[in-house]
Amino acid sequence: MNQAFDDAATRDAWNRGADAWQQFVRSGADYYRARVHGPALLAACAVKPGETALDLGCGEGYFARELARSGARVTGVDVSDRLLEYARAEEAREPLGIRYVHASGADTDRFGGDGAFDLIASCMALQDMSDPDAALRASARALRTDGRVVFSVPHPATDTPVREWERDDAGRKLALRVDRYFETGPAEFQWNMKRLAYTWSTPFWRRTLGQWAEAVSSAGFLIERLIEPHPDAALRALHPELDDCARLPYFLVFRLVRRPPG
């Protein structure tokens, strides 16, 4: 992409991919989400029963359901009305008390109100929002004083413009070639994995670790923890397809708290 994108571009792109996306997630084909970064994000959230939680960029509702099953009272927000149709249909099929709102992440404080949430979480979605900085600032307003924000994004060290696995003659992955780490800004992701029902593309922001840290700080947060989810030996033995993300970090989880005044 040569220019920034807006909420309409994000909505239209994810509406196009909604049918394939919900099948990808719910079938278990997105095994990194199901077995690696999803469980790690949920653990970092440390949900307490009865807490109010917001799933920012909830999509078809995967992580909202995880939060609700952990005992939270959950609101999910997304700009894609097609993905929200899937989320609401699943809520009707298996009620968990989740409220879904069609809105921009930058409007989090408007529909939730100041200090409405104990926890604001975002599962691999913040980088796909047209203005993640505004979403973080709105989250700061919507968060209770002692609340926390926990979000995951693609790991900046391996989510680079040049990214290609070197393979042996049998196709086994030998080493990942990455380059142009500092070439950041709006980009386009091609959803073309063989595990998908069809292909499409979505806009996203590529950022360095330093740029994410600056966005966090500018929104009034401190980084309490950084987590790099990866499978252990036991999980790799059960699921060999996860071996590559045990060798290099694919995902990064931020756990944030408010910066004290002064």
Protein backbone atom coordinates (compact mmCIF):
# COMPACT_ATOMS: atom_id res chain seq x y z
CA MET A 1 0.00 0.00 0.00
CA ASN A 2 1.21 3.47 -0.83
CA GLN A 3 -1.17 5.38 1.42
CA ALA A 4 -2.94 5.13 4.75
CA PHE A 5 -6.25 3.35 5.01
CA ASP A 6 -9.47 4.16 6.88
CA ASP A 7 -12.21 2.26 8.70
CA ALA A 8 -14.15 1.79 5.46
CA ALA A 9 -11.21 0.04 3.82
CA THR A 10 -10.78 -2.19 6.85
CA ARG A 11 -14.48 -3.01 6.96
CA ASP A 12 -14.71 -3.81 3.27
CA ALA A 13 -11.61 -6.01 3.31
CA TRP A 14 -12.74 -8.07 6.30
CA ASN A 15 -16.28 -8.30 4.94
CA ARG A 16 -14.83 -9.86 1.79
CA GLY A 17 -12.89 -12.38 3.82
CA ALA A 18 -15.52 -13.05 6.50
CA ASP A 19 -16.77 -16.39 5.18
CA ALA A 20 -13.27 -17.84 4.80
CA TRP A 21 -12.09 -16.32 8.07
CA GLN A 22 -14.80 -17.80 10.30
CA GLN A 23 -14.22 -21.22 8.73
CA PHE A 24 -10.45 -20.85 9.20
CA VAL A 25 -10.79 -20.01 12.89
CA ARG A 26 -13.63 -22.34 13.87
CA SER A 27 -12.33 -25.39 12.02
CA GLY A 28 -9.02 -25.29 13.92
CA ALA A 29 -7.09 -24.61 10.72
CA ASP A 30 -5.67 -21.48 12.38
CA TYR A 31 -3.63 -23.70 14.68
CA TYR A 32 -1.28 -20.92 15.81
CA ARG A 33 -4.31 -19.07 17.24
CA ALA A 34 -5.82 -22.16 18.83
CA ARG A 35 -2.64 -23.56 20.37
CA VAL A 36 -0.03 -20.79 20.65
CA HIS A 37 -0.89 -17.10 20.75
CA GLY A 38 -4.57 -17.45 21.76
CA PRO A 39 -3.88 -19.39 24.99
CA ALA A 40 -0.91 -17.13 25.78
CA LEU A 41 -3.04 -14.00 25.40
CA LEU A 42 -5.78 -15.45 27.58
CA ALA A 43 -3.28 -16.36 30.30
CA ALA A 44 -1.84 -12.83 30.20
CA CYS A 45 -5.34 -11.40 30.63
CA ALA A 46 -5.66 -13.20 34.00
CA VAL A 47 -9.45 -12.85 33.97
CA LYS A 48 -11.23 -12.66 37.30
CA PRO A 49 -14.87 -13.86 37.38
CA GLY A 50 -17.33 -11.01 37.05
CA GLU A 51 -14.89 -8.54 35.52
CA THR A 52 -16.00 -6.35 32.64
CA ALA A 53 -13.94 -7.01 29.54
CA LEU A 54 -13.78 -5.57 26.05
CA ASP A 55 -12.56 -7.54 23.03
CA LEU A 56 -11.22 -4.87 20.69
CA GLY A 57 -11.43 -6.03 17.08
CA CYS A 58 -13.41 -9.12 18.05
CA GLY A 59 -14.08 -10.37 14.53
CA GLU A 60 -16.21 -13.51 14.55
CA GLY A 61 -15.95 -13.67 18.33
CA TYR A 62 -13.18 -16.21 19.02
CA PHE A 63 -11.47 -14.34 21.83
CA ALA A 64 -14.66 -12.79 23.20
CA ARG A 65 -15.90 -16.33 23.79
CA GLU A 66 -12.63 -17.28 25.48
CA LEU A 67 -12.97 -14.31 27.83
CA ALA A 68 -16.61 -15.10 28.59
CA ARG A 69 -15.85 -18.74 29.33
CA SER A 70 -13.23 -17.49 31.80
CA GLY A 71 -15.94 -15.63 33.71
CA ALA A 72 -15.83 -12.10 32.27
CA ARG A 73 -18.81 -10.00 31.21
CA VAL A 74 -17.76 -9.27 27.65
CA THR A 75 -18.40 -6.64 25.02
CA GLY A 76 -16.96 -7.24 21.54
CA VAL A 77 -16.42 -4.47 19.02
CA ASP A 78 -15.51 -4.66 15.34
CA VAL A 79 -15.90 -2.60 12.15
CA SER A 80 -16.82 -5.63 10.01
CA ASP A 81 -20.57 -6.15 10.05
CA ARG A 82 -20.19 -9.51 8.28
CA LEU A 83 -17.85 -10.86 10.96
CA LEU A 84 -20.23 -9.58 13.64
CA GLU A 85 -23.06 -11.52 11.97
CA TYR A 86 -21.08 -14.69 12.58
CA ALA A 87 -20.30 -13.62 16.16
CA ARG A 88 -23.95 -12.90 16.97
CA ALA A 89 -25.13 -16.12 15.35
CA GLU A 90 -22.73 -18.09 17.55
CA GLU A 91 -23.91 -16.16 20.61
CA ALA A 92 -27.49 -17.09 19.73
CA ARG A 93 -26.48 -20.73 19.31
CA GLU A 94 -24.45 -20.87 22.55
CA PRO A 95 -25.32 -17.88 24.77
CA LEU A 96 -22.41 -16.58 26.84
CA GLY A 97 -23.81 -13.13 27.58
CA ILE A 98 -21.57 -11.37 25.05
CA ARG A 99 -22.69 -8.01 23.68
CA TYR A 100 -21.42 -7.21 20.19
CA VAL A 101 -21.12 -3.62 18.94
CA HIS A 102 -20.47 -2.47 15.36
CA ALA A 103 -17.99 0.38 15.83
CA SER A 104 -14.45 1.54 15.28
CA GLY A 105 -11.78 0.73 17.83
CA ALA A 106 -11.16 4.47 18.11
CA ASP A 107 -14.68 4.84 19.57
CA THR A 108 -14.17 2.41 22.45
CA ASP A 109 -14.77 5.05 25.10
CA ARG A 110 -17.96 6.31 23.44
CA PHE A 111 -20.01 3.14 23.69
CA GLY A 112 -18.42 1.86 26.89
CA GLY A 113 -18.07 5.10 28.82
CA ASP A 114 -15.15 6.32 30.91
CA GLY A 115 -13.79 3.66 33.23
CA ALA A 116 -16.24 1.02 31.99
CA PHE A 117 -13.85 -1.91 31.72
CA ASP A 118 -11.52 -3.84 34.01
CA LEU A 119 -9.82 -5.42 31.01
CA ILE A 120 -9.42 -4.44 27.36
CA ALA A 121 -8.00 -7.18 25.17
CA SER A 122 -7.20 -7.42 21.48
CA CYS A 123 -6.25 -10.67 19.77
CA MET A 124 -4.06 -10.02 16.71
CA ALA A 125 -6.30 -7.13 15.65
CA LEU A 126 -4.77 -3.81 16.67
CA GLN A 127 -2.38 -3.78 13.71
CA ASP A 128 -5.38 -4.17 11.36
CA MET A 129 -7.17 -1.06 12.64
CA SER A 130 -6.96 2.12 10.61
CA ASP A 131 -5.79 4.13 13.65
CA PRO A 132 -4.34 1.87 16.37
CA ASP A 133 -2.99 4.88 18.26
CA ALA A 134 -6.51 6.30 18.58
CA ALA A 135 -7.74 2.87 19.69
CA LEU A 136 -5.13 2.80 22.45
CA ARG A 137 -6.00 6.32 23.57
CA ALA A 138 -9.71 5.45 23.65
CA SER A 139 -8.87 2.31 25.61
CA ALA A 140 -7.08 4.42 28.21
CA ARG A 141 -10.25 6.45 28.71
CA ALA A 142 -12.50 3.40 28.83
CA LEU A 143 -10.29 1.54 31.31
CA ARG A 144 -10.74 1.61 35.05
CA THR A 145 -7.89 3.13 37.02
CA ASP A 146 -6.53 -0.25 38.14
CA GLY A 147 -7.43 -2.04 34.89
CA ARG A 148 -5.14 -3.49 32.26
CA VAL A 149 -4.87 -3.69 28.49
CA VAL A 150 -3.55 -6.90 26.93
CA PHE A 151 -3.04 -7.20 23.19
CA SER A 152 -1.18 -9.32 20.69
CA VAL A 153 0.35 -8.34 17.34
CA PRO A 154 2.63 -10.01 14.80
CA HIS A 155 6.17 -9.98 16.16
CA PRO A 156 8.00 -7.02 14.57
CA ALA A 157 11.25 -8.99 14.33
CA THR A 158 9.79 -11.53 11.90
CA ASP A 159 6.90 -9.58 10.35
CA THR A 160 9.15 -7.72 7.93
CA PRO A 161 8.62 -6.68 4.28
CA VAL A 162 11.11 -9.35 3.20
CA ARG A 163 10.24 -12.67 4.79
CA GLU A 164 11.01 -16.02 3.21
CA TRP A 165 11.91 -19.47 4.49
CA GLU A 166 14.94 -21.17 3.02
CA ARG A 167 14.12 -24.86 2.50
CA ASP A 168 15.96 -28.07 1.75
CA ASP A 169 15.19 -30.33 -1.21
CA ALA A 170 12.42 -32.03 0.77
CA GLY A 171 10.74 -28.69 1.54
CA ARG A 172 11.76 -28.62 5.20
CA LYS A 173 12.28 -25.16 6.68
CA LEU A 174 15.95 -24.41 7.33
CA ALA A 175 16.14 -20.70 8.17
CA LEU A 176 13.94 -17.64 7.88
CA ARG A 177 15.32 -14.79 5.80
CA VAL A 178 14.09 -11.39 6.98
CA ASP A 179 15.05 -7.90 5.91
CA ARG A 180 13.93 -4.24 5.82
CA TYR A 181 12.80 -4.20 9.45
CA PHE A 182 12.66 -0.40 9.51
CA GLU A 183 10.42 -0.13 6.44
CA THR A 184 7.16 0.44 8.31
CA GLY A 185 3.77 1.98 7.67
CA PRO A 186 0.58 0.84 5.95
CA ALA A 187 0.86 -2.44 4.08
CA GLU A 188 -1.33 -5.14 2.62
CA PHE A 189 -1.52 -8.72 3.86
CA GLN A 190 -2.33 -11.47 1.38
CA TRP A 191 -4.46 -14.20 2.96
CA ASN A 192 -3.43 -16.97 0.59
CA MET A 193 -2.59 -19.96 2.79
CA LYS A 194 -3.72 -23.35 1.48
CA ARG A 195 -5.76 -23.82 4.67
CA LEU A 196 -8.15 -21.02 3.62
CA ALA A 197 -11.32 -21.53 1.58
CA TYR A 198 -10.37 -18.62 -0.68
CA THR A 199 -7.87 -15.76 -0.83
CA TRP A 200 -8.28 -12.06 -0.13
CA SER A 201 -6.20 -9.17 1.22
CA THR A 202 -6.47 -6.80 4.17
CA PRO A 203 -4.71 -3.53 5.05
CA PHE A 204 -2.56 -3.40 8.18
CA TRP A 205 0.17 -1.39 9.89
CA ARG A 206 3.70 -2.73 10.00
CA ARG A 207 5.60 -1.32 13.00
CA THR A 208 8.89 -1.79 14.77
CA LEU A 209 8.98 -2.72 18.44
CA GLY A 210 10.04 0.82 19.22
CA GLN A 211 7.04 2.25 17.36
CA TRP A 212 4.63 0.01 19.27
CA ALA A 213 6.29 1.06 22.54
CA GLU A 214 5.92 4.73 21.59
CA ALA A 215 2.23 4.26 20.78
CA VAL A 216 1.71 2.57 24.14
CA SER A 217 3.50 5.35 26.00
CA SER A 218 1.70 8.13 24.12
CA ALA A 219 -1.64 6.60 25.13
CA GLY A 220 -0.66 6.82 28.80
CA PHE A 221 0.37 3.22 29.49
CA LEU A 222 3.36 1.41 30.89
CA ILE A 223 4.42 -2.01 29.60
CA GLU A 224 4.07 -4.40 32.51
CA ARG A 225 5.05 -7.52 30.56
CA LEU A 226 6.15 -8.58 27.09
CA ILE A 227 5.44 -12.19 26.13
CA GLU A 228 6.66 -14.07 23.07
CA PRO A 229 4.34 -17.09 22.77
CA HIS A 230 5.89 -20.28 21.43
CA PRO A 231 5.15 -23.99 21.83
CA ASP A 232 7.14 -26.14 24.24
CA ALA A 233 8.60 -29.54 23.37
CA ALA A 234 5.53 -31.46 24.52
CA LEU A 235 3.19 -29.40 22.35
CA ARG A 236 5.52 -29.70 19.35
CA ALA A 237 5.58 -33.47 19.77
CA LEU A 238 1.78 -33.51 19.53
CA HIS A 239 1.63 -30.91 16.77
CA PRO A 240 4.75 -30.92 14.56
CA GLU A 241 3.21 -28.19 12.38
CA LEU A 242 4.08 -25.76 15.19
CA ASP A 243 7.83 -26.38 14.98
CA ASP A 244 8.60 -23.21 13.02
CA CYS A 245 7.14 -20.88 15.67
CA ALA A 246 9.21 -22.64 18.34
CA ARG A 247 12.37 -21.51 16.55
CA LEU A 248 11.47 -17.87 15.95
CA PRO A 249 8.99 -15.44 17.51
CA TYR A 250 5.88 -14.97 15.39
CA PHE A 251 3.75 -13.19 17.99
CA LEU A 252 4.16 -10.54 20.67
CA VAL A 253 1.83 -9.99 23.63
CA PHE A 254 1.80 -6.66 25.49
CA ARG A 255 0.34 -6.38 28.98
CA LEU A 256 -0.17 -2.72 29.90
CA VAL A 257 -1.15 -0.76 32.98
CA ARG A 258 -1.90 2.93 33.37
CA ARG A 259 1.09 5.21 33.85
CA PRO A 260 0.82 6.85 37.29
CA PRO A 261 0.13 10.59 37.14
CA GLY A 262 3.03 12.98 37.61
